[in-house]
Amino acid sequence: MAYSKPDWRALSLTSALKPCLPHLRIAAVFSAVVNLLYLTPSIFMLQVYDRVIPTGGVTTLILLSIITLAGLSALSVLDWLRTRVLAKAGTRLDAEVAGPLLTAVMTMPALSRAERGEAMRDFDSLRSALGSGAAIAALDAPWVPIYLAAACLIHPLIGGITFFAGIVLLLLALCNERATHQLYDTSAEAASMAYARQGHMTAYASEIRALGMGDALRTQALGERVYANDMATRALFASQRYGSLIKYFRLVAQSAVLATAALLAIRGSISGGAIFATSLLLGRALAPIEMIVGSWKSVVKMRSSYLRISRLLSSVPPAATMSLPAPVGRINVEGITVATPQQDRVALADISFGIAQGEIIGVAGLSGAGKSTLLRALVGAVDPVRGNVRLDGAALGDWIPAELAHHVGYLPQEFVLFAGTIRENISRFQTASDGDAGAIDRAVVAAANKIGAHEMILRLPSGYDTLVGHGGIGLSVGQAQRIALARALFGSPVFVALDEPSANLDAEAKASLIELFAILRANKVTTIFASHDGGLLNMADKLLVLTAGRIAKFGPIRAEASLHPITRLSA
């Protein structure tokens, strides 16, 4: 089977910045005019001291003042417009990258939850940097030679001092980078870990309080914050040290230029107005360097964010683009090996088995044996480091992800619900734009009926329109699990994977679950489920027993094994 795969590496920040180039070019043009207009005060001072004061020309002074005011007004407007254009560039970058980046984050199972959240924060930092002082300083930096040339026109010695001061400031800026780069990176990493822990703690504050774990976890969180703040403070102190040196040297250089200009004016080499003009020129020549050093934390963070996002986008695997025929539900697992998210151990080792269409497979084993990891691998929630999972002969990676999800139902062990209505959660947030609204509603009710949740939902305050919070807030655990089961069955999938489907169900709901297995078998829906419930495992056609990430037994359930299938198959 042949199909063309898109080049995901084309989703790099370099290519994404291309649509922003028109905005950046306009900002560069505005910067050119702004920097030329910054010469206005220097020219005004020269003309006042060279023309107005010697001649006493009040009319000339008025005309010069009007021209200067017009120039400064234009400077202010263009500087304001430049900021707006850079903000528009950030908005355009968001439109180009946010979608692909979020897709990449959701596509890569190897990323941890903290890394997924950090990726979007990195991008937001990068986007906001386009309108920051560092970006404006970068646009002003190419015009430093113009100010140096203007200083040289006044007198070569003035130009030489200005050039020397610029070189020294540049060296100090490089020293600042070497002294703070590692500290800022360490600080950012520590802060990310601290925020992840704090977010997890606040999400489960009630459970932590009930278990009396608050003091211990708070101590850990505060310790991580102290370390992150210590690194940030050390980086800030180092940056401020060089920032103070730069400010000190700039003031010394400015005083030296004034003294030199005064000496040259005394000797008649330059006019009196040039004394003040040289000071203004020096200030403008050194301003971009000083501004970059002053915002060096943002510069380092922007660079780190750019590198991390680029690596993430370039590592997204190719995605299938060709639609495959609707599957019937045959599953073949070919020697898959799955590592833990931290890659520090093997969760599943060389697993191979097959499931015929319509078979129901129970997965048993001790906690930590790899049951949940196996189900995650079967639905594509985690990628094996070796081997393949095939649906009707096609590897999961050969399916377009959205089409694969249409044919697969999955109940994870952590059956999280999302903020929205019960209808939205069961329909997997399909809207009228995704198809006929009436058909979606009928499919929602059908899925709820299969698990016996329809009446339960109707008894809720607003029925299917009842709002739930993040994680199913507002529902009991049993109610949330039944809705998550209905979500797994939405759209009549041909393959269903259920992880501990009876864990939080009462007797009535468990009876509905047993009836569900009969419905799935009658409709020839291939089903695999993991459970510690021996009674539920007896509903399976075959039992797969995992031990330490390997298959211990796989075969039909014998009638005499009805009470203790795990023990019998392990024998």
Protein backbone atom coordinates (compact mmCIF):
# COMPACT_ATOMS: atom_id res chain seq x y z
CA MET A 1 0.00 0.00 0.00
CA ALA A 2 1.49 3.31 -1.06
CA TYR A 3 0.65 6.78 0.06
CA SER A 4 2.49 10.05 0.38
CA LYS A 5 3.46 11.21 3.82
CA PRO A 6 3.70 14.93 4.53
CA ASP A 7 7.06 16.32 5.53
CA TRP A 8 6.42 17.14 9.19
CA ARG A 9 9.85 18.79 9.34
CA ALA A 10 8.39 21.53 7.15
CA LEU A 11 6.49 22.55 10.30
CA SER A 12 9.63 24.21 11.62
CA LEU A 13 9.72 27.62 13.19
CA THR A 14 11.89 28.82 10.32
CA SER A 15 9.16 28.04 7.78
CA ALA A 16 6.47 29.29 10.14
CA LEU A 17 8.24 32.66 10.40
CA LYS A 18 7.99 33.22 6.64
CA PRO A 19 4.39 34.48 6.75
CA CYS A 20 5.56 36.90 9.45
CA LEU A 21 8.26 38.39 7.22
CA PRO A 22 6.01 41.12 5.72
CA HIS A 23 5.30 42.39 9.24
CA LEU A 24 8.97 42.21 10.17
CA ARG A 25 9.96 44.06 6.99
CA ILE A 26 7.48 46.83 7.76
CA ALA A 27 8.82 46.99 11.32
CA ALA A 28 12.37 47.19 9.92
CA VAL A 29 11.35 50.09 7.63
CA PHE A 30 9.74 51.87 10.57
CA SER A 31 12.91 51.25 12.58
CA ALA A 32 15.02 52.79 9.83
CA VAL A 33 12.92 55.95 9.79
CA VAL A 34 12.72 56.03 13.59
CA ASN A 35 16.48 55.79 13.93
CA LEU A 36 17.00 58.54 11.36
CA LEU A 37 14.53 60.70 13.23
CA TYR A 38 16.46 60.05 16.43
CA LEU A 39 19.12 62.30 14.88
CA THR A 40 16.66 65.19 15.08
CA PRO A 41 17.65 66.40 18.58
CA SER A 42 21.35 66.27 17.66
CA ILE A 43 20.79 68.28 14.48
CA PHE A 44 18.58 70.71 16.39
CA MET A 45 21.30 71.31 18.97
CA LEU A 46 23.92 71.86 16.24
CA GLN A 47 21.73 74.38 14.45
CA VAL A 48 20.79 76.24 17.63
CA TYR A 49 24.39 76.69 18.76
CA ASP A 50 25.83 77.28 15.28
CA ARG A 51 23.11 79.47 13.72
CA VAL A 52 20.62 80.80 16.25
CA ILE A 53 22.86 81.85 19.15
CA PRO A 54 25.55 83.61 17.04
CA THR A 55 22.93 85.50 14.97
CA GLY A 56 20.15 85.85 17.54
CA GLY A 57 17.67 84.66 14.91
CA VAL A 58 14.39 84.13 16.75
CA THR A 59 12.55 83.29 13.51
CA THR A 60 15.15 80.63 12.72
CA LEU A 61 14.74 79.20 16.23
CA ILE A 62 10.96 79.04 15.78
CA LEU A 63 11.26 77.30 12.40
CA LEU A 64 13.84 74.85 13.79
CA SER A 65 11.58 74.14 16.75
CA ILE A 66 8.59 73.45 14.48
CA ILE A 67 10.65 71.12 12.29
CA THR A 68 12.05 69.36 15.36
CA LEU A 69 8.59 68.99 16.87
CA ALA A 70 7.29 67.53 13.61
CA GLY A 71 10.21 65.10 13.48
CA LEU A 72 9.73 63.98 17.07
CA SER A 73 5.97 63.58 16.51
CA ALA A 74 6.65 61.38 13.48
CA LEU A 75 9.18 59.41 15.54
CA SER A 76 6.61 58.80 18.28
CA VAL A 77 3.90 57.69 15.83
CA LEU A 78 6.23 55.38 13.91
CA ASP A 79 7.57 53.89 17.14
CA TRP A 80 3.98 53.19 18.21
CA LEU A 81 3.17 51.68 14.81
CA ARG A 82 6.31 49.53 14.97
CA THR A 83 5.14 48.05 18.27
CA ARG A 84 1.72 47.28 16.77
CA VAL A 85 3.25 45.66 13.70
CA LEU A 86 5.46 43.45 15.88
CA ALA A 87 2.37 42.47 17.90
CA LYS A 88 0.64 41.56 14.62
CA ALA A 89 3.67 39.44 13.71
CA GLY A 90 3.24 37.59 17.00
CA THR A 91 -0.44 37.02 16.24
CA ARG A 92 0.43 35.68 12.77
CA LEU A 93 3.07 33.39 14.25
CA ASP A 94 0.46 32.07 16.69
CA ALA A 95 -1.91 31.36 13.79
CA GLU A 96 0.84 29.49 11.92
CA VAL A 97 2.40 27.49 14.74
CA ALA A 98 -0.07 27.05 17.62
CA GLY A 99 -2.20 24.50 15.74
CA PRO A 100 0.67 22.32 14.43
CA LEU A 101 2.47 22.57 17.76
CA LEU A 102 -0.61 21.51 19.72
CA THR A 103 -1.09 18.66 17.24
CA ALA A 104 2.54 17.64 17.71
CA VAL A 105 2.18 17.75 21.48
CA MET A 106 -0.92 15.56 21.31
CA THR A 107 0.66 13.22 18.72
CA MET A 108 3.79 12.26 20.63
CA PRO A 109 2.95 9.70 23.34
CA ALA A 110 6.51 9.82 24.71
CA LEU A 111 6.00 13.33 26.08
CA SER A 112 5.09 13.64 29.73
CA ARG A 113 2.19 15.82 30.87
CA ALA A 114 4.63 18.43 32.14
CA GLU A 115 6.47 18.51 28.80
CA ARG A 116 3.20 18.95 26.91
CA GLY A 117 2.25 21.92 29.05
CA GLU A 118 5.75 23.36 28.87
CA ALA A 119 5.77 23.26 25.05
CA MET A 120 2.83 25.65 24.80
CA ARG A 121 4.30 27.93 27.48
CA ASP A 122 7.56 27.97 25.50
CA PHE A 123 5.69 29.04 22.40
CA ASP A 124 3.78 31.77 24.25
CA SER A 125 7.11 33.12 25.55
CA LEU A 126 8.52 33.08 22.03
CA ARG A 127 5.49 34.79 20.56
CA SER A 128 5.44 37.53 23.20
CA ALA A 129 9.16 38.11 22.61
CA LEU A 130 8.40 39.47 19.14
CA GLY A 131 6.94 42.60 20.70
CA SER A 132 9.43 42.90 23.54
CA GLY A 133 12.22 45.41 24.08
CA ALA A 134 14.75 42.83 22.95
CA ALA A 135 13.10 42.61 19.51
CA ILE A 136 13.05 46.39 19.18
CA ALA A 137 16.72 46.53 20.22
CA ALA A 138 17.53 43.91 17.57
CA LEU A 139 15.85 46.09 14.93
CA ASP A 140 17.75 49.16 16.17
CA ALA A 141 21.13 47.41 16.35
CA PRO A 142 21.89 47.57 12.57
CA TRP A 143 21.67 51.36 12.79
CA VAL A 144 24.48 51.66 15.30
CA PRO A 145 27.00 52.17 12.42
CA ILE A 146 24.89 55.13 11.25
CA TYR A 147 25.36 56.84 14.59
CA LEU A 148 29.05 55.99 14.53
CA ALA A 149 29.33 57.53 11.07
CA ALA A 150 27.52 60.64 12.28
CA ALA A 151 29.91 60.88 15.23
CA CYS A 152 32.87 60.54 12.85
CA LEU A 153 31.49 63.37 10.70
CA ILE A 154 31.59 65.62 13.72
CA HIS A 155 35.19 64.61 14.42
CA PRO A 156 37.18 61.36 13.93
CA LEU A 157 38.27 61.37 17.57
CA ILE A 158 34.65 61.49 18.70
CA GLY A 159 33.85 58.63 16.33
CA GLY A 160 36.81 56.64 17.65
CA ILE A 161 35.70 56.99 21.28
CA THR A 162 32.14 56.03 20.36
CA PHE A 163 33.39 52.97 18.42
CA PHE A 164 35.64 51.91 21.33
CA ALA A 165 32.77 52.29 23.80
CA GLY A 166 30.55 50.14 21.57
CA ILE A 167 33.18 47.36 21.40
CA VAL A 168 33.61 47.35 25.19
CA LEU A 169 29.86 47.20 25.74
CA LEU A 170 29.58 44.35 23.25
CA LEU A 171 32.30 42.40 25.10
CA LEU A 172 30.51 43.02 28.39
CA ALA A 173 27.30 41.75 26.80
CA LEU A 174 29.06 38.54 25.70
CA CYS A 175 30.47 38.08 29.20
CA ASN A 176 26.95 38.55 30.55
CA GLU A 177 25.71 35.80 28.22
CA ARG A 178 28.39 33.36 29.35
CA ALA A 179 27.77 34.12 33.02
CA THR A 180 23.97 33.83 32.96
CA HIS A 181 23.05 31.39 30.18
CA GLN A 182 23.38 28.17 32.21
CA LEU A 183 21.88 29.76 35.30
CA TYR A 184 18.79 30.92 33.44
CA ASP A 185 18.35 27.50 31.77
CA THR A 186 18.64 25.72 35.13
CA SER A 187 16.24 28.20 36.68
CA ALA A 188 13.67 27.66 33.92
CA GLU A 189 13.88 23.88 34.24
CA ALA A 190 13.55 24.02 38.03
CA ALA A 191 10.61 26.42 37.77
CA SER A 192 8.90 24.08 35.30
CA MET A 193 9.20 21.16 37.71
CA ALA A 194 7.97 23.28 40.60
CA TYR A 195 4.91 24.47 38.63
CA ALA A 196 4.13 20.89 37.59
CA ARG A 197 4.14 19.73 41.22
CA GLN A 198 2.07 22.71 42.35
CA GLY A 199 -0.46 22.11 39.59
CA HIS A 200 -0.78 18.46 40.55
CA MET A 201 -1.17 19.35 44.22
CA THR A 202 -3.86 21.96 43.62
CA ALA A 203 -5.76 19.58 41.30
CA TYR A 204 -5.95 16.96 44.06
CA ALA A 205 -6.11 19.27 47.07
CA SER A 206 -9.12 17.50 48.60
CA GLU A 207 -7.50 14.07 48.42
CA ILE A 208 -4.24 15.42 49.83
CA ARG A 209 -6.08 17.06 52.70
CA ALA A 210 -8.03 13.89 53.49
CA LEU A 211 -4.84 11.80 53.50
CA GLY A 212 -2.97 14.27 55.69
CA MET A 213 -0.23 14.66 53.07
CA GLY A 214 -0.46 18.44 52.88
CA ASP A 215 2.52 19.33 55.08
CA ALA A 216 4.88 16.83 53.45
CA LEU A 217 3.96 17.76 49.87
CA ARG A 218 3.95 21.46 50.70
CA THR A 219 7.49 21.09 52.09
CA GLN A 220 8.62 19.41 48.87
CA ALA A 221 6.92 22.03 46.70
CA LEU A 222 8.40 24.90 48.70
CA GLY A 223 11.83 23.27 48.50
CA GLU A 224 11.57 23.11 44.72
CA ARG A 225 10.44 26.74 44.62
CA VAL A 226 13.37 27.77 46.82
CA TYR A 227 15.80 26.03 44.46
CA ALA A 228 14.18 27.57 41.36
CA ASN A 229 14.13 31.03 42.95
CA ASP A 230 17.75 30.61 44.09
CA MET A 231 18.85 29.83 40.51
CA ALA A 232 16.78 32.72 39.18
CA THR A 233 18.24 35.08 41.81
CA ARG A 234 21.80 34.01 41.02
CA ALA A 235 21.16 34.57 37.32
CA LEU A 236 19.54 37.92 38.04
CA PHE A 237 22.45 39.03 40.24
CA ALA A 238 24.96 38.02 37.56
CA SER A 239 22.95 39.85 34.91
CA GLN A 240 22.56 42.93 37.11
CA ARG A 241 26.29 42.92 37.81
CA TYR A 242 27.06 43.19 34.11
CA GLY A 243 24.12 45.52 33.61
CA SER A 244 25.56 47.88 36.23
CA LEU A 245 29.00 47.65 34.63
CA ILE A 246 27.51 48.49 31.26
CA LYS A 247 25.56 51.42 32.67
CA TYR A 248 28.67 52.65 34.50
CA PHE A 249 30.84 52.38 31.39
CA ARG A 250 28.21 54.09 29.24
CA LEU A 251 28.09 57.06 31.63
CA VAL A 252 31.90 57.18 31.71
CA ALA A 253 32.03 57.03 27.91
CA GLN A 254 29.40 59.75 27.64
CA SER A 255 31.36 61.96 30.02
CA ALA A 256 34.57 61.23 28.11
CA VAL A 257 32.91 62.19 24.84
CA LEU A 258 31.61 65.42 26.37
CA ALA A 259 35.05 66.27 27.74
CA THR A 260 36.73 65.46 24.42
CA ALA A 261 34.14 67.48 22.51
CA ALA A 262 34.61 70.41 24.87
CA LEU A 263 38.40 70.25 24.38
CA LEU A 264 37.93 70.14 20.60
CA ALA A 265 35.50 73.08 20.80
CA ILE A 266 38.03 75.08 22.83
CA ARG A 267 40.62 74.44 20.13
CA GLY A 268 38.12 75.42 17.46
CA SER A 269 37.98 71.98 15.83
CA ILE A 270 34.20 71.68 16.31
CA SER A 271 31.39 74.03 17.17
CA GLY A 272 29.80 74.45 20.57
CA GLY A 273 26.62 72.73 19.43
CA ALA A 274 28.60 69.60 18.54
CA ILE A 275 29.37 69.09 22.24
CA PHE A 276 25.75 68.21 23.01
CA ALA A 277 25.18 66.47 19.67
CA THR A 278 28.02 64.02 20.35
CA SER A 279 26.51 63.06 23.71
CA LEU A 280 23.15 62.33 22.09
CA LEU A 281 24.77 60.31 19.31
CA LEU A 282 26.75 58.22 21.77
CA GLY A 283 23.61 57.50 23.78
CA ARG A 284 21.73 56.34 20.68
CA ALA A 285 24.68 54.23 19.45
CA LEU A 286 24.95 52.35 22.73
CA ALA A 287 21.22 52.15 23.57
CA PRO A 288 20.49 48.90 21.65
CA ILE A 289 23.34 47.06 23.35
CA GLU A 290 22.28 48.27 26.76
CA MET A 291 18.66 47.37 26.06
CA ILE A 292 19.58 43.84 24.98
CA VAL A 293 21.63 43.29 28.12
CA GLY A 294 18.81 44.71 30.24
CA SER A 295 16.38 42.20 28.76
CA TRP A 296 18.89 39.35 28.60
CA LYS A 297 16.67 37.02 30.63
CA SER A 298 14.01 37.33 27.94
CA VAL A 299 16.62 36.79 25.22
CA VAL A 300 17.91 33.59 26.84
CA LYS A 301 14.39 32.33 27.46
CA MET A 302 13.40 33.10 23.88
CA ARG A 303 16.42 31.24 22.51
CA SER A 304 15.82 28.22 24.72
CA SER A 305 12.14 28.18 23.81
CA TYR A 306 12.98 28.39 20.11
CA LEU A 307 15.38 25.44 20.31
CA ARG A 308 12.98 23.27 22.32
CA ILE A 309 10.04 23.95 20.02
CA SER A 310 12.16 23.35 16.92
CA ARG A 311 13.34 20.00 18.28
CA LEU A 312 9.78 19.01 19.14
CA LEU A 313 8.37 19.93 15.73
CA SER A 314 11.19 18.19 13.89
CA SER A 315 10.71 14.97 15.86
CA VAL A 316 7.01 14.51 15.08
CA PRO A 317 6.67 11.24 13.14
CA PRO A 318 5.14 11.26 9.64
CA ALA A 319 1.38 10.84 9.59
CA ALA A 320 -0.63 8.74 7.16
CA THR A 321 -2.65 10.64 4.56
CA MET A 322 -4.51 7.84 2.75
CA SER A 323 -7.90 6.59 3.90
CA LEU A 324 -8.03 2.83 4.39
CA PRO A 325 -11.10 0.60 4.04
CA ALA A 326 -13.28 0.31 7.12
CA PRO A 327 -11.84 -2.48 9.31
CA VAL A 328 -13.71 -5.46 10.70
CA GLY A 329 -11.64 -5.61 13.88
CA ARG A 330 -8.87 -8.18 13.41
CA ILE A 331 -5.95 -7.39 15.72
CA ASN A 332 -2.41 -8.72 15.33
CA VAL A 333 0.30 -7.85 17.83
CA GLU A 334 3.77 -8.52 16.40
CA GLY A 335 6.58 -8.61 18.93
CA ILE A 336 5.95 -5.23 20.53
CA THR A 337 8.25 -3.87 23.20
CA VAL A 338 7.10 -0.80 25.12
CA ALA A 339 9.24 1.31 27.45
CA THR A 340 8.01 3.49 30.29
CA PRO A 341 7.63 7.23 29.52
CA GLN A 342 10.94 7.91 31.29
CA GLN A 343 12.59 5.17 29.17
CA ASP A 344 14.17 3.75 32.31
CA ARG A 345 12.61 0.28 32.11
CA VAL A 346 10.69 -2.04 29.79
CA ALA A 347 6.96 -2.18 30.48
CA LEU A 348 6.18 -4.84 27.83
CA ALA A 349 8.72 -7.21 26.28
CA ASP A 350 8.26 -9.02 22.95
CA ILE A 351 4.46 -9.39 23.11
CA SER A 352 2.83 -11.28 20.23
CA PHE A 353 -0.74 -12.56 19.85
CA GLY A 354 -3.79 -12.22 17.62
CA ILE A 355 -7.47 -11.48 18.14
CA ALA A 356 -10.06 -12.62 15.62
CA GLN A 357 -13.01 -10.48 14.66
CA GLY A 358 -15.61 -10.43 17.41
CA GLU A 359 -13.49 -12.19 20.03
CA ILE A 360 -13.54 -10.98 23.61
CA ILE A 361 -10.17 -11.18 25.36
CA GLY A 362 -9.68 -10.72 29.08
CA VAL A 363 -6.31 -9.52 30.32
CA ALA A 364 -5.26 -10.54 33.82
CA GLY A 365 -2.17 -10.14 35.92
CA LEU A 366 -0.82 -8.57 39.06
CA SER A 367 -0.61 -4.80 39.41
CA GLY A 368 2.32 -3.51 37.39
CA ALA A 369 2.30 -6.51 35.05
CA GLY A 370 1.69 -4.26 32.04
CA LYS A 371 -2.07 -4.61 31.47
CA SER A 372 -2.78 -0.88 31.05
CA THR A 373 0.33 -0.40 28.91
CA LEU A 374 -0.80 -3.21 26.61
CA LEU A 375 -4.23 -1.65 26.11
CA ARG A 376 -2.66 1.74 25.50
CA ALA A 377 -0.41 0.23 22.84
CA LEU A 378 -3.35 -1.52 21.16
CA VAL A 379 -5.24 1.76 20.64
CA GLY A 380 -2.17 3.82 19.68
CA ALA A 381 -1.96 5.81 22.91
CA VAL A 382 1.67 4.73 23.31
CA ASP A 383 4.19 3.80 20.62
CA PRO A 384 6.20 0.58 20.89
CA VAL A 385 9.96 0.92 20.59
CA ARG A 386 9.87 -2.29 18.53
CA GLY A 387 7.19 -4.30 16.77
CA ASN A 388 3.78 -3.40 15.37
CA VAL A 389 0.13 -3.46 16.29
CA ARG A 390 -2.00 -4.12 13.21
CA LEU A 391 -5.70 -3.51 12.68
CA ASP A 392 -6.92 -5.59 9.72
CA GLY A 393 -3.32 -5.99 8.58
CA ALA A 394 -2.44 -2.29 8.60
CA ALA A 395 -0.06 -0.97 11.26
CA LEU A 396 -1.67 1.65 13.49
CA GLY A 397 0.74 4.24 12.08
CA ASP A 398 -0.67 3.60 8.59
CA TRP A 399 -4.07 4.88 9.67
CA ILE A 400 -5.05 8.53 9.60
CA PRO A 401 -5.33 9.21 13.38
CA ALA A 402 -8.85 10.68 13.20
CA GLU A 403 -10.10 7.73 11.13
CA LEU A 404 -8.45 5.21 13.45
CA ALA A 405 -10.18 6.81 16.44
CA HIS A 406 -13.51 6.50 14.62
CA HIS A 407 -13.09 2.71 14.51
CA VAL A 408 -11.69 2.31 18.04
CA GLY A 409 -13.27 2.68 21.47
CA TYR A 410 -11.10 3.11 24.55
CA LEU A 411 -11.73 3.36 28.27
CA PRO A 412 -8.46 4.32 30.00
CA GLN A 413 -7.81 3.42 33.60
CA GLU A 414 -7.90 7.15 34.37
CA PHE A 415 -11.22 7.80 32.61
CA VAL A 416 -10.94 11.57 32.62
CA LEU A 417 -13.90 13.64 31.47
CA PHE A 418 -13.47 17.12 30.06
CA ALA A 419 -15.20 20.37 30.85
CA GLY A 420 -18.44 20.46 28.87
CA THR A 421 -21.81 18.76 28.72
CA ILE A 422 -22.36 15.04 29.10
CA ARG A 423 -23.49 14.99 25.47
CA GLU A 424 -20.21 16.55 24.38
CA ASN A 425 -18.16 14.11 26.43
CA ILE A 426 -19.95 11.03 25.06
CA SER A 427 -19.82 12.33 21.47
CA ARG A 428 -16.09 13.03 21.87
CA PHE A 429 -16.92 16.72 21.38
CA GLN A 430 -18.28 16.27 17.87
CA THR A 431 -20.36 19.23 16.76
CA ALA A 432 -22.92 19.87 14.04
CA SER A 433 -20.06 20.91 11.77
CA ASP A 434 -18.72 17.34 12.02
CA GLY A 435 -21.96 15.84 10.72
CA ASP A 436 -25.71 15.75 11.18
CA ALA A 437 -26.57 16.98 14.69
CA GLY A 438 -29.53 14.62 14.92
CA ALA A 439 -27.39 11.64 13.96
CA ILE A 440 -24.84 12.60 16.60
CA ASP A 441 -27.57 12.84 19.26
CA ARG A 442 -28.94 9.43 18.28
CA ALA A 443 -25.44 7.93 18.47
CA VAL A 444 -24.95 9.48 21.93
CA VAL A 445 -28.17 7.97 23.24
CA ALA A 446 -27.37 4.60 21.63
CA ALA A 447 -23.95 4.52 23.31
CA ALA A 448 -25.48 5.42 26.68
CA ASN A 449 -28.13 2.72 26.28
CA LYS A 450 -25.52 0.05 25.57
CA ILE A 451 -23.99 0.56 29.01
CA GLY A 452 -27.31 1.23 30.73
CA ALA A 453 -26.48 4.87 31.46
CA HIS A 454 -29.40 6.51 29.61
CA GLU A 455 -31.80 6.54 32.57
CA MET A 456 -29.04 7.67 34.91
CA ILE A 457 -28.24 10.61 32.65
CA LEU A 458 -31.89 11.62 32.33
CA ARG A 459 -32.12 11.83 36.13
CA LEU A 460 -29.34 14.47 36.20
CA PRO A 461 -30.42 18.15 36.50
CA SER A 462 -30.17 18.91 32.78
CA GLY A 463 -29.97 15.43 31.35
CA TYR A 464 -27.49 15.17 28.50
CA ASP A 465 -26.91 18.93 28.73
CA THR A 466 -25.66 18.67 32.32
CA LEU A 467 -22.32 20.47 32.61
CA VAL A 468 -19.36 18.71 34.20
CA GLY A 469 -16.07 20.25 35.22
CA HIS A 470 -12.53 19.20 34.39
CA GLY A 471 -12.03 15.59 35.42
CA GLY A 472 -15.78 15.00 35.79
CA ILE A 473 -16.34 17.40 38.69
CA GLY A 474 -20.03 17.33 39.59
CA LEU A 475 -20.46 13.58 39.08
CA SER A 476 -19.73 10.60 41.27
CA VAL A 477 -16.87 8.35 40.22
CA GLY A 478 -19.31 5.64 39.16
CA GLN A 479 -21.36 8.06 37.08
CA ALA A 480 -18.22 9.43 35.43
CA GLN A 481 -17.04 5.90 34.58
CA ARG A 482 -20.36 4.99 32.96
CA ILE A 483 -20.21 8.14 30.83
CA ALA A 484 -16.61 7.31 29.89
CA LEU A 485 -17.79 3.80 28.91
CA ALA A 486 -20.51 5.34 26.74
CA ARG A 487 -17.84 7.55 25.13
CA ALA A 488 -15.79 4.43 24.31
CA LEU A 489 -18.84 2.92 22.57
CA PHE A 490 -19.81 6.07 20.66
CA GLY A 491 -20.00 5.64 16.90
CA SER A 492 -20.15 1.82 16.96
CA PRO A 493 -16.39 1.07 16.92
CA VAL A 494 -15.21 -2.30 15.61
CA PHE A 495 -12.50 -2.63 18.28
CA VAL A 496 -12.95 -1.73 21.94
CA ALA A 497 -10.31 -1.70 24.69
CA LEU A 498 -11.54 -1.30 28.27
CA ASP A 499 -9.20 -0.86 31.23
CA GLU A 500 -10.77 -1.94 34.55
CA PRO A 501 -14.31 -1.24 33.27
CA SER A 502 -16.02 -2.44 36.49
CA ALA A 503 -13.68 -0.74 38.97
CA ASN A 504 -16.17 1.87 40.22
CA LEU A 505 -19.52 0.40 39.20
CA ASP A 506 -22.31 -0.60 41.54
CA ALA A 507 -24.17 -3.90 41.17
CA GLU A 508 -26.74 -2.45 38.75
CA ALA A 509 -24.08 -0.86 36.55
CA LYS A 510 -21.97 -4.03 36.63
CA ALA A 511 -24.98 -6.02 35.42
CA SER A 512 -25.29 -3.56 32.53
CA LEU A 513 -21.60 -4.07 31.79
CA ILE A 514 -22.10 -7.85 31.62
CA GLU A 515 -25.01 -7.28 29.23
CA LEU A 516 -22.71 -5.03 27.19
CA PHE A 517 -20.31 -7.93 26.60
CA ALA A 518 -23.20 -9.95 25.21
CA ILE A 519 -24.09 -7.04 22.89
CA LEU A 520 -20.47 -6.69 21.74
CA ARG A 521 -20.23 -10.42 21.07
CA ALA A 522 -23.52 -10.42 19.12
CA ASN A 523 -22.36 -7.45 17.02
CA LYS A 524 -18.95 -9.06 16.43
CA VAL A 525 -17.12 -6.14 18.04
CA THR A 526 -13.56 -7.20 18.87
CA THR A 527 -13.06 -6.50 22.57
CA ILE A 528 -10.14 -6.64 24.97
CA PHE A 529 -10.42 -5.65 28.61
CA ALA A 530 -8.16 -5.70 31.65
CA SER A 531 -9.61 -6.56 35.02
CA HIS A 532 -8.93 -8.07 38.43
CA ASP A 533 -12.56 -9.19 38.63
CA GLY A 534 -12.66 -12.99 38.13
CA GLY A 535 -16.39 -12.94 37.44
CA LEU A 536 -15.96 -10.38 34.69
CA LEU A 537 -12.99 -12.24 33.21
CA ASN A 538 -15.25 -15.29 32.81
CA MET A 539 -17.18 -13.31 30.18
CA ALA A 540 -14.14 -13.48 27.88
CA ASP A 541 -13.58 -16.05 25.13
CA LYS A 542 -9.87 -16.15 25.88
CA LEU A 543 -7.68 -15.04 28.74
CA LEU A 544 -4.28 -13.39 28.41
CA VAL A 545 -2.17 -13.45 31.56
CA LEU A 546 0.72 -11.00 31.89
CA THR A 547 3.63 -11.43 34.27
CA ALA A 548 6.30 -8.73 34.52
CA GLY A 549 5.57 -7.40 31.05
CA ARG A 550 5.50 -10.81 29.31
CA ILE A 551 2.75 -13.20 28.30
CA ALA A 552 2.53 -16.05 30.80
CA LYS A 553 -0.54 -17.72 29.26
CA PHE A 554 -2.93 -17.04 26.41
CA GLY A 555 -5.78 -19.32 25.54
CA PRO A 556 -9.47 -20.20 25.87
CA ILE A 557 -11.14 -20.13 29.26
CA ARG A 558 -12.08 -23.70 30.26
CA ALA A 559 -15.42 -24.27 31.95
CA GLU A 560 -13.78 -25.71 35.04
CA ALA A 561 -11.73 -22.55 35.40
CA SER A 562 -14.78 -20.37 35.89
CA LEU A 563 -14.01 -19.47 39.47
CA HIS A 564 -10.30 -18.89 39.27
CA PRO A 565 -9.28 -18.39 35.63
CA ILE A 566 -6.01 -16.66 36.43
CA THR A 567 -4.85 -19.47 38.69
CA ARG A 568 -5.85 -22.16 36.19
CA LEU A 569 -4.16 -20.55 33.21
CA SER A 570 -1.02 -19.82 35.20
CA ALA A 571 -0.74 -23.43 36.29
